[in-house]
Every structure is written in structure tokens, then in C-alpha cells.
Amino acid sequence: MLKKLLLIPLFALFLYANSFEVNQNIGTFSLPNQFDEKQTIDSSIETLVVSFEKDTGKDVNEFLSSKDKDFLKNHHAAFIANISGMPSIITKMFALPKMRGYKHNVLLIYDEEDKRFKSQEGKSTVYKLKDGVIKTIFFITKDDLEKIF
């Protein structure tokens, strides 16, 4: 039992210290959405779009807002916004209330130590998966959003 208790923090440390790579199985993990409801990423997800900046997040949200409510679900996709760099007062007073107006889920990363996802300035990161295994990782601008689905 003690070994298991020691392995859990080590696994979490490993998970947060290393970014996902091609041919890696992402496993199953959960993140809160804009309503603070836990949402699970598992092997049914085929496309992950991850945003790290206000402008790229805005681009993805505008794109998804132009689609029907079940667009992400129907495309076996999820959108993750890394908002860990945002001051908590801004998050609570402005960002979350705005996000709660979206009809799509926005999964949120609050932890600055969460380094699982790669980033590139001015772009969102796309992970294409098959059965939970990363097949490709690439970076896009808003002009590429339609093409990835």
C-alpha cells in the first residue's frame, strides 16, 4: 500500500514534467470545464485543440461558436485552454463569465506546472489521436481550424 502511495505523486510529477509525444498513449485524464465540471479525455477523443494565448483561444472559441452545440462531440474532439498564466482575479471576473456564455465546452488548465502540451507562439496546438495514441502534433492558426475537422 505504501508503494502505491509513493508512486501516485511520482506519476503525477512525470505526467506534468514531460510533454506528450507522437506515438505516446495519452491515457485518461480529466480537466475542469468553464462551469468547473470535470470532463474526461479518453481514447474516444480523436482531435485535441490546445490554446495557450488569449488571441489563439479567442480564434478557436469564435470558430466553435459558429458551429452547432454538439460539434466537438460529433467530431470526437475537445478544446483545451491553458489559462495558467492568467491572474486569478482576471480569470474569475472576466474570463470565466465570458466562457460560460459559450455553447461548447472549454477544458481549462490552471496549473502552470502542467507541461503535457506543446506550444508555439501565436498558434494553437493540434493533437490527432487514434485509440488514445498521438499520431501527429502540429500547430495551426485560425485559418486552419476548418481543415482539421
C-alpha atoms as a PDB file:
ATOM      1  CA  MET A   1       0.000   0.000   0.000  1.00  0.00           C
ATOM      2  CA  LEU A   2       2.821   2.387   0.872  1.00  0.00           C
ATOM      3  CA  LYS A   3       4.431   1.744  -2.523  1.00  0.00           C
ATOM      4  CA  LYS A   4       1.219   2.758  -4.271  1.00  0.00           C
ATOM      5  CA  LEU A   5       1.009   5.940  -2.239  1.00  0.00           C
ATOM      6  CA  LEU A   6       4.574   6.795  -3.214  1.00  0.00           C
ATOM      7  CA  LEU A   7       4.001   6.015  -6.893  1.00  0.00           C
ATOM      8  CA  ILE A   8       0.988   8.314  -7.291  1.00  0.00           C
ATOM      9  CA  PRO A   9       2.932  11.573  -6.724  1.00  0.00           C
ATOM     10  CA  LEU A  10       5.800  10.268  -8.864  1.00  0.00           C
ATOM     11  CA  PHE A  11       3.394   9.513 -11.706  1.00  0.00           C
ATOM     12  CA  ALA A  12       1.862  12.984 -11.398  1.00  0.00           C
ATOM     13  CA  LEU A  13       5.337  14.516 -11.444  1.00  0.00           C
ATOM     14  CA  PHE A  14       6.222  12.514 -14.562  1.00  0.00           C
ATOM     15  CA  LEU A  15       2.954  13.456 -16.241  1.00  0.00           C
ATOM     16  CA  TYR A  16       3.446  17.149 -15.636  1.00  0.00           C
ATOM     17  CA  ALA A  17       7.182  17.211 -16.372  1.00  0.00           C
ATOM     18  CA  ASN A  18       7.075  15.687 -19.846  1.00  0.00           C
ATOM     19  CA  SER A  19       5.118  16.824 -22.855  1.00  0.00           C
ATOM     20  CA  PHE A  20       3.105  14.412 -24.940  1.00  0.00           C
ATOM     21  CA  GLU A  21       4.956  12.983 -27.950  1.00  0.00           C
ATOM     22  CA  VAL A  22       3.935  11.240 -31.189  1.00  0.00           C
ATOM     23  CA  ASN A  23       3.176   7.519 -30.647  1.00  0.00           C
ATOM     24  CA  GLN A  24       2.526   8.108 -26.953  1.00  0.00           C
ATOM     25  CA  ASN A  25      -0.719   6.954 -25.375  1.00  0.00           C
ATOM     26  CA  ILE A  26      -2.241   9.915 -23.525  1.00  0.00           C
ATOM     27  CA  GLY A  27      -4.170   7.664 -21.181  1.00  0.00           C
ATOM     28  CA  THR A  28      -7.235   9.060 -19.469  1.00  0.00           C
ATOM     29  CA  PHE A  29      -7.256  12.363 -17.633  1.00  0.00           C
ATOM     30  CA  SER A  30      -9.775  14.956 -16.517  1.00  0.00           C
ATOM     31  CA  LEU A  31      -9.842  18.725 -16.595  1.00  0.00           C
ATOM     32  CA  PRO A  32     -12.500  21.147 -15.386  1.00  0.00           C
ATOM     33  CA  ASN A  33     -14.595  22.993 -17.941  1.00  0.00           C
ATOM     34  CA  GLN A  34     -15.728  26.608 -17.688  1.00  0.00           C
ATOM     35  CA  PHE A  35     -18.510  25.528 -15.288  1.00  0.00           C
ATOM     36  CA  ASP A  36     -15.982  23.742 -13.036  1.00  0.00           C
ATOM     37  CA  GLU A  37     -17.339  20.342 -14.099  1.00  0.00           C
ATOM     38  CA  LYS A  38     -14.757  17.598 -14.590  1.00  0.00           C
ATOM     39  CA  GLN A  39     -14.548  16.443 -18.200  1.00  0.00           C
ATOM     40  CA  THR A  40     -12.631  13.304 -19.145  1.00  0.00           C
ATOM     41  CA  ILE A  41     -10.306  12.883 -22.091  1.00  0.00           C
ATOM     42  CA  ASP A  42     -10.062   9.235 -23.079  1.00  0.00           C
ATOM     43  CA  SER A  43      -9.410   7.019 -26.100  1.00  0.00           C
ATOM     44  CA  SER A  44     -12.651   8.164 -27.792  1.00  0.00           C
ATOM     45  CA  ILE A  45     -11.083  11.585 -28.476  1.00  0.00           C
ATOM     46  CA  GLU A  46      -9.545  11.876 -31.951  1.00  0.00           C
ATOM     47  CA  THR A  47      -8.646  15.583 -32.015  1.00  0.00           C
ATOM     48  CA  LEU A  48      -7.376  17.823 -29.237  1.00  0.00           C
ATOM     49  CA  VAL A  49      -7.004  21.538 -29.859  1.00  0.00           C
ATOM     50  CA  VAL A  50      -4.966  23.339 -27.213  1.00  0.00           C
ATOM     51  CA  SER A  51      -4.651  27.092 -26.890  1.00  0.00           C
ATOM     52  CA  PHE A  52      -2.086  28.913 -24.750  1.00  0.00           C
ATOM     53  CA  GLU A  53      -2.745  32.569 -25.568  1.00  0.00           C
ATOM     54  CA  LYS A  54      -5.696  34.933 -25.381  1.00  0.00           C
ATOM     55  CA  ASP A  55      -5.759  35.545 -29.155  1.00  0.00           C
ATOM     56  CA  THR A  56      -5.488  31.894 -30.196  1.00  0.00           C
ATOM     57  CA  GLY A  57      -8.133  30.954 -27.652  1.00  0.00           C
ATOM     58  CA  LYS A  58     -10.386  33.680 -28.990  1.00  0.00           C
ATOM     59  CA  ASP A  59      -9.914  32.344 -32.535  1.00  0.00           C
ATOM     60  CA  VAL A  60     -10.858  28.795 -31.522  1.00  0.00           C
ATOM     61  CA  ASN A  61     -13.851  29.988 -29.478  1.00  0.00           C
ATOM     62  CA  GLU A  62     -15.127  32.117 -32.381  1.00  0.00           C
ATOM     63  CA  PHE A  63     -14.804  29.126 -34.717  1.00  0.00           C
ATOM     64  CA  LEU A  64     -16.598  26.786 -32.310  1.00  0.00           C
ATOM     65  CA  SER A  65     -19.295  29.380 -31.608  1.00  0.00           C
ATOM     66  CA  SER A  66     -20.158  29.333 -35.316  1.00  0.00           C
ATOM     67  CA  LYS A  67     -20.820  25.568 -35.119  1.00  0.00           C
ATOM     68  CA  ASP A  68     -23.670  23.632 -33.546  1.00  0.00           C
ATOM     69  CA  LYS A  69     -23.633  22.774 -29.836  1.00  0.00           C
ATOM     70  CA  ASP A  70     -22.506  19.174 -30.398  1.00  0.00           C
ATOM     71  CA  PHE A  71     -19.766  19.964 -32.927  1.00  0.00           C
ATOM     72  CA  LEU A  72     -16.891  18.850 -30.682  1.00  0.00           C
ATOM     73  CA  LYS A  73     -18.727  15.720 -29.536  1.00  0.00           C
ATOM     74  CA  ASN A  74     -19.711  14.776 -33.092  1.00  0.00           C
ATOM     75  CA  HIS A  75     -16.102  15.183 -34.214  1.00  0.00           C
ATOM     76  CA  HIS A  76     -14.677  13.273 -31.215  1.00  0.00           C
ATOM     77  CA  ALA A  77     -12.768  16.397 -30.277  1.00  0.00           C
ATOM     78  CA  ALA A  78     -12.001  18.572 -27.274  1.00  0.00           C
ATOM     79  CA  PHE A  79     -10.783  22.128 -26.835  1.00  0.00           C
ATOM     80  CA  ILE A  80      -8.362  22.886 -24.004  1.00  0.00           C
ATOM     81  CA  ALA A  81      -7.370  26.401 -22.982  1.00  0.00           C
ATOM     82  CA  ASN A  82      -4.261  26.779 -20.853  1.00  0.00           C
ATOM     83  CA  ILE A  83      -5.113  29.771 -18.692  1.00  0.00           C
ATOM     84  CA  SER A  84      -2.443  29.121 -16.079  1.00  0.00           C
ATOM     85  CA  GLY A  85      -0.675  32.404 -16.827  1.00  0.00           C
ATOM     86  CA  MET A  86      -3.792  34.491 -16.340  1.00  0.00           C
ATOM     87  CA  PRO A  87      -4.100  36.282 -12.997  1.00  0.00           C
ATOM     88  CA  SER A  88      -6.818  34.589 -10.943  1.00  0.00           C
ATOM     89  CA  ILE A  89      -8.760  37.824 -10.455  1.00  0.00           C
ATOM     90  CA  ILE A  90      -8.974  38.274 -14.247  1.00  0.00           C
ATOM     91  CA  THR A  91      -9.963  34.637 -14.647  1.00  0.00           C
ATOM     92  CA  LYS A  92     -12.776  34.890 -12.104  1.00  0.00           C
ATOM     93  CA  MET A  93     -14.085  38.345 -13.006  1.00  0.00           C
ATOM     94  CA  PHE A  94     -13.814  38.333 -16.791  1.00  0.00           C
ATOM     95  CA  ALA A  95     -12.632  35.133 -18.489  1.00  0.00           C
ATOM     96  CA  LEU A  96     -14.878  32.543 -16.831  1.00  0.00           C
ATOM     97  CA  PRO A  97     -18.087  34.604 -17.110  1.00  0.00           C
ATOM     98  CA  LYS A  98     -17.381  35.093 -20.815  1.00  0.00           C
ATOM     99  CA  MET A  99     -16.583  31.392 -21.319  1.00  0.00           C
ATOM    100  CA  ARG A 100     -19.807  30.382 -19.582  1.00  0.00           C
ATOM    101  CA  GLY A 101     -21.664  32.027 -22.455  1.00  0.00           C
ATOM    102  CA  TYR A 102     -20.204  29.554 -24.971  1.00  0.00           C
ATOM    103  CA  LYS A 103     -22.336  26.627 -26.064  1.00  0.00           C
ATOM    104  CA  HIS A 104     -19.221  24.430 -26.355  1.00  0.00           C
ATOM    105  CA  ASN A 105     -17.039  23.033 -23.589  1.00  0.00           C
ATOM    106  CA  VAL A 106     -13.731  24.711 -22.866  1.00  0.00           C
ATOM    107  CA  LEU A 107     -11.495  22.489 -20.756  1.00  0.00           C
ATOM    108  CA  LEU A 108      -9.157  24.522 -18.599  1.00  0.00           C
ATOM    109  CA  ILE A 109      -5.591  24.140 -17.423  1.00  0.00           C
ATOM    110  CA  TYR A 110      -4.990  26.258 -14.328  1.00  0.00           C
ATOM    111  CA  ASP A 111      -1.678  24.697 -13.259  1.00  0.00           C
ATOM    112  CA  GLU A 112       1.489  26.387 -14.563  1.00  0.00           C
ATOM    113  CA  GLU A 113       3.382  23.133 -13.902  1.00  0.00           C
ATOM    114  CA  ASP A 114       1.230  21.223 -16.402  1.00  0.00           C
ATOM    115  CA  LYS A 115       3.646  20.874 -19.320  1.00  0.00           C
ATOM    116  CA  ARG A 116       1.926  17.982 -21.133  1.00  0.00           C
ATOM    117  CA  PHE A 117       1.039  20.047 -24.177  1.00  0.00           C
ATOM    118  CA  LYS A 118       3.459  21.637 -26.610  1.00  0.00           C
ATOM    119  CA  SER A 119       3.043  25.268 -27.555  1.00  0.00           C
ATOM    120  CA  GLN A 120       4.194  27.609 -30.285  1.00  0.00           C
ATOM    121  CA  GLU A 121       3.770  31.351 -30.069  1.00  0.00           C
ATOM    122  CA  GLY A 122       0.771  32.699 -31.975  1.00  0.00           C
ATOM    123  CA  LYS A 123      -0.627  29.235 -32.742  1.00  0.00           C
ATOM    124  CA  SER A 124      -2.861  26.567 -31.268  1.00  0.00           C
ATOM    125  CA  THR A 125      -1.596  23.015 -30.955  1.00  0.00           C
ATOM    126  CA  VAL A 126      -3.487  20.124 -32.530  1.00  0.00           C
ATOM    127  CA  TYR A 127      -3.091  16.527 -31.448  1.00  0.00           C
ATOM    128  CA  LYS A 128      -4.547  13.896 -33.781  1.00  0.00           C
ATOM    129  CA  LEU A 129      -5.175  10.640 -31.920  1.00  0.00           C
ATOM    130  CA  LYS A 130      -6.229   7.092 -32.694  1.00  0.00           C
ATOM    131  CA  ASP A 131      -7.330   4.911 -29.783  1.00  0.00           C
ATOM    132  CA  GLY A 132      -5.658   7.310 -27.363  1.00  0.00           C
ATOM    133  CA  VAL A 133      -2.313   7.267 -29.161  1.00  0.00           C
ATOM    134  CA  ILE A 134      -0.931  10.508 -30.587  1.00  0.00           C
ATOM    135  CA  LYS A 135      -0.448  10.131 -34.353  1.00  0.00           C
ATOM    136  CA  THR A 136       0.516  13.721 -35.194  1.00  0.00           C
ATOM    137  CA  ILE A 137       1.147  17.022 -33.460  1.00  0.00           C
ATOM    138  CA  PHE A 138       1.018  20.272 -35.401  1.00  0.00           C
ATOM    139  CA  PHE A 139       0.458  23.978 -34.899  1.00  0.00           C
ATOM    140  CA  ILE A 140      -2.293  25.995 -36.552  1.00  0.00           C
ATOM    141  CA  THR A 141      -3.688  29.480 -36.965  1.00  0.00           C
ATOM    142  CA  LYS A 142      -7.379  30.356 -37.176  1.00  0.00           C
ATOM    143  CA  ASP A 143      -7.257  29.854 -40.954  1.00  0.00           C
ATOM    144  CA  ASP A 144      -6.545  26.138 -40.419  1.00  0.00           C
ATOM    145  CA  LEU A 145      -9.380  25.378 -37.999  1.00  0.00           C
ATOM    146  CA  GLU A 146     -11.916  24.241 -40.584  1.00  0.00           C
ATOM    147  CA  LYS A 147      -9.370  21.880 -42.181  1.00  0.00           C
ATOM    148  CA  ILE A 148      -8.585  19.922 -39.013  1.00  0.00           C
ATOM    149  CA  PHE A 149     -12.142  18.632 -38.643  1.00  0.00           C
END
